[in-house]
Amino acid sequence: MSLNEEQKQTMPPLDAAFRTLRATTATTAPQLAPGLLWWRAQLRRRNEALRQIEQPLLAAELLALVLVLGSSVGLVVVAARSGAPWLLAAQRSIVAPWVALFQTPWTMPLAAAALLTLLGAAIALLACDKTE
């Protein structure tokens, strides 16, 4: 689109300045190779796909951790009720000192506060988007 002299003189100065700037930047702007543009687009698509896949995987990992811990506790409880000798020996050497610790009045509220803090940190970690 070319302008004749009469149209150029009637244009406001700001419009003329923008047209001049656009003409100079269009000729001086670096032209990227099509292969480079395609490669960048592929990287963006791949990164977006990875970001979308990571979120459910983290939830699945946490669910697996909870299931493993729950089943481990369940196995220990079943073994304790059946009177497993290895568990009784472990209770005498390892668990007995901890039982005395939990009989103090301040230990349970402190343990509950620690558990709530850990759960809050896990929820905050899940809520944050680490990819940005």
Protein backbone atom coordinates (compact mmCIF):
# COMPACT_ATOMS: atom_id res chain seq x y z
CA MET A 1 0.00 0.00 0.00
CA SER A 2 1.71 3.15 -1.13
CA LEU A 3 0.63 6.65 -0.25
CA ASN A 4 0.82 9.60 -2.58
CA GLU A 5 2.28 12.94 -1.49
CA GLU A 6 -1.10 14.50 -0.75
CA GLN A 7 -2.09 11.69 1.61
CA LYS A 8 1.28 11.81 3.36
CA GLN A 9 0.91 15.52 4.12
CA THR A 10 -2.58 15.10 5.58
CA MET A 11 -1.54 12.25 7.92
CA PRO A 12 -1.00 13.14 11.56
CA PRO A 13 2.69 13.08 12.56
CA LEU A 14 2.24 10.14 14.89
CA ASP A 15 0.68 7.99 12.19
CA ALA A 16 3.52 8.85 9.84
CA ALA A 17 6.05 7.95 12.52
CA PHE A 18 4.40 4.55 13.07
CA ARG A 19 4.33 3.82 9.35
CA THR A 20 8.02 4.73 9.02
CA LEU A 21 8.92 2.60 12.04
CA ARG A 22 6.95 -0.35 10.69
CA ALA A 23 8.63 -0.08 7.30
CA THR A 24 12.13 -0.01 8.82
CA THR A 25 11.53 -2.85 11.26
CA ALA A 26 9.96 -5.05 8.60
CA THR A 27 13.13 -4.83 6.55
CA THR A 28 15.57 -5.17 9.47
CA ALA A 29 13.77 -7.89 11.47
CA PRO A 30 15.68 -11.18 11.44
CA GLN A 31 13.93 -13.83 9.38
CA LEU A 32 14.11 -17.17 11.15
CA ALA A 33 14.49 -20.33 9.15
CA PRO A 34 11.31 -22.40 8.83
CA GLY A 35 13.08 -25.42 10.30
CA LEU A 36 13.96 -23.44 13.41
CA LEU A 37 10.37 -22.28 13.82
CA TRP A 38 9.12 -25.85 13.41
CA TRP A 39 11.65 -27.12 15.96
CA ARG A 40 10.59 -24.49 18.52
CA ALA A 41 6.92 -25.34 17.99
CA GLN A 42 7.68 -29.03 18.53
CA LEU A 43 9.53 -28.21 21.76
CA ARG A 44 6.60 -26.17 23.02
CA ARG A 45 4.15 -28.96 22.20
CA ARG A 46 6.34 -31.57 23.89
CA ASN A 47 6.84 -29.47 27.03
CA GLU A 48 3.12 -28.78 27.29
CA ALA A 49 2.34 -32.48 26.90
CA LEU A 50 4.89 -33.36 29.60
CA ARG A 51 3.43 -30.77 31.95
CA GLN A 52 -0.05 -32.18 31.48
CA ILE A 53 1.16 -35.73 32.08
CA GLU A 54 3.17 -34.91 35.23
CA GLN A 55 0.23 -33.73 37.31
CA PRO A 56 -1.74 -37.02 37.40
CA LEU A 57 1.50 -38.98 37.85
CA LEU A 58 2.32 -37.10 41.03
CA ALA A 59 -1.13 -37.87 42.43
CA ALA A 60 -0.70 -41.53 41.50
CA GLU A 61 2.69 -41.66 43.21
CA LEU A 62 1.25 -40.20 46.40
CA LEU A 63 -1.66 -42.65 46.30
CA ALA A 64 0.80 -45.54 45.86
CA LEU A 65 2.83 -44.29 48.82
CA VAL A 66 -0.25 -44.12 51.02
CA LEU A 67 -1.30 -47.63 49.95
CA VAL A 68 2.14 -49.08 50.65
CA LEU A 69 2.33 -47.45 54.07
CA GLY A 70 -1.22 -48.55 54.92
CA SER A 71 -0.60 -52.14 53.87
CA SER A 72 2.68 -52.19 55.82
CA VAL A 73 0.92 -51.04 58.96
CA GLY A 74 -1.82 -53.61 58.32
CA LEU A 75 0.72 -56.42 58.01
CA VAL A 76 2.39 -55.40 61.24
CA VAL A 77 -0.97 -55.30 63.04
CA VAL A 78 -1.91 -58.75 61.73
CA ALA A 79 1.48 -60.12 62.74
CA ALA A 80 1.14 -58.58 66.20
CA ARG A 81 -2.29 -60.15 66.73
CA SER A 82 -1.05 -63.57 65.63
CA GLY A 83 1.88 -63.39 68.06
CA ALA A 84 4.77 -63.50 65.60
CA PRO A 85 8.00 -64.12 67.56
CA TRP A 86 10.08 -61.73 65.45
CA LEU A 87 7.59 -58.95 66.10
CA LEU A 88 7.59 -59.58 69.84
CA ALA A 89 11.40 -59.37 69.88
CA ALA A 90 11.28 -56.14 67.91
CA GLN A 91 8.69 -54.74 70.29
CA ARG A 92 10.87 -55.41 73.32
CA SER A 93 13.99 -53.86 71.84
CA ILE A 94 12.67 -51.06 69.65
CA VAL A 95 9.06 -50.23 70.38
CA ALA A 96 9.06 -50.33 74.20
CA PRO A 97 11.06 -47.09 74.67
CA TRP A 98 8.74 -45.28 72.24
CA VAL A 99 5.65 -46.45 74.11
CA ALA A 100 6.96 -44.72 77.23
CA LEU A 101 7.45 -41.55 75.23
CA PHE A 102 3.84 -41.55 74.02
CA GLN A 103 2.51 -41.86 77.56
CA THR A 104 3.49 -38.26 78.33
CA PRO A 105 0.62 -35.73 78.03
CA TRP A 106 2.28 -33.45 75.47
CA THR A 107 3.40 -36.04 72.92
CA MET A 108 0.07 -36.74 71.19
CA PRO A 109 -0.80 -33.07 70.51
CA LEU A 110 2.74 -32.52 69.24
CA ALA A 111 2.52 -35.58 66.97
CA ALA A 112 -0.86 -34.40 65.66
CA ALA A 113 0.56 -30.95 64.92
CA ALA A 114 3.52 -32.50 63.08
CA LEU A 115 1.19 -34.71 61.05
CA LEU A 116 -1.00 -31.75 60.10
CA THR A 117 2.09 -29.77 59.11
CA LEU A 118 3.28 -32.58 56.84
CA LEU A 119 -0.15 -32.94 55.28
CA GLY A 120 -0.34 -29.19 54.71
CA ALA A 121 3.07 -29.22 53.04
CA ALA A 122 1.99 -32.08 50.77
CA ILE A 123 -1.20 -30.23 49.81
CA ALA A 124 0.77 -27.04 49.12
CA LEU A 125 3.21 -29.00 46.97
CA LEU A 126 0.36 -30.48 44.94
CA ALA A 127 -1.32 -27.10 44.58
CA CYS A 128 1.80 -25.36 43.26
CA ASP A 129 2.56 -25.53 39.58
CA LYS A 130 6.29 -26.14 39.38
CA THR A 131 6.60 -25.79 35.62
CA GLU A 132 6.08 -22.03 35.46
